[in-house]
């Protein structure tokens, strides 16, 4: 469905903001709902045109975006629905896009109203165009019974396409949002408020660990009941099961997260298999029971940046050729955690030191960057800081309450 709304209707919107500038001087903006192959292609093309001259932008694989909106591939559709739009100027030029979604399982700690989401936002530097997109998403979410919206977020797991980058620079990690600085103003001047910060931490691989790691490692090492091992790619089913055990004990009790089934964990490990470096994925066991995980992957964008979004048969052949010939010098942290009953005992230090013996001395990696940690989790932030890291990026998850008189609260500490 295509709808055309008069530009002046939005230029005179009584929201409290001052437009950054108006690149659209007159005429109409055209909003197109994505509902066929052509509009789906345009949805992808918006980002291509937006970042054509940005040397740090790495085009996401088309399939990684398309799968989010594929009912057959995204299980989140079992619990909700999604819609997306493309925005054009009166000459038909692509100037923006946005997606909106409802998910009955999406809930953050402390939420007392149903919250929807917006994501995959791109827009020219024009507050009026941005407000048009945000207003369209808000109206749709309100029609679905939502009373607030978070963004930019994903229609699915939180480990990808989550948050707006407001600090930091350089190439994005695989499946990480990337945006120009002015997006912060577009969100905030439209009424979005900071719900929580998301921090990424980086460190040079060869940096010496703090002495306290070795002290705590030595204390645990004396206990023969603990052992740390890296993944064996020929035993993925076992490690997937162990991952599921630790995940469900360490994270599934947090608001917004749910129990993981073993079949889901196995599917995840099978999907990772072509790019998994077993030497940087670690587990710790106590009396042969899994109690901690430190799962890392090579930064896939260091390979995918050469594919220009393609991962068809030709793209896959290119990927295999590139992967075999180009050393990936950066790896990224996906998940790190210890089950509650083994926390504050030094298990984290034990696992890190055991892994560092291999990673620092025998592998090719030079840089390490952890996926984001929310500021609602200060304990995990302290663990990251203790590795001698520095904050390399700050992303933000915003919230917009539809009732503008409702008191706003940030995400509580977990």
Foldseek 3Di string as FASTA:
>chain_A
DKDKDFLVVLVPPPFPFDKPDDPADGDIKIKAKDDDPVQLVVLLVLVCVVCVPPPQEFRAASCVVVLLQDVVRAVQVVFKHKIKIWMAHPVRHTFKMKMKMAGPLADAPPDPWGEIEMFSIDGDRTLSVLLVRVVVNVVVVVVVRGFKYKDDQGSHDRLARGFAFQDFDGHDFHRHDDDDNSVVVSQVSSFWDFQWKWFKWKDWLQDDADPVLVVLLVVVVVDPQKDKDFDDLVPLLVVLVLVLVQCCQWPCVHRRHHRDDSVNSSVVSVVCSVFADRLQWMFMGGNNHTFWTWGKTQRCSVQSSVQNNHDDPVSVVSSVVCPVPPDRQEMETRDTDGGPVCPPSSPSSNNVVVSSVCPNPPDRHTMYMYRIDIPLEVVVVVVSVSRVIDGRIMGTIIMHGNPPVDDDDHRHRD
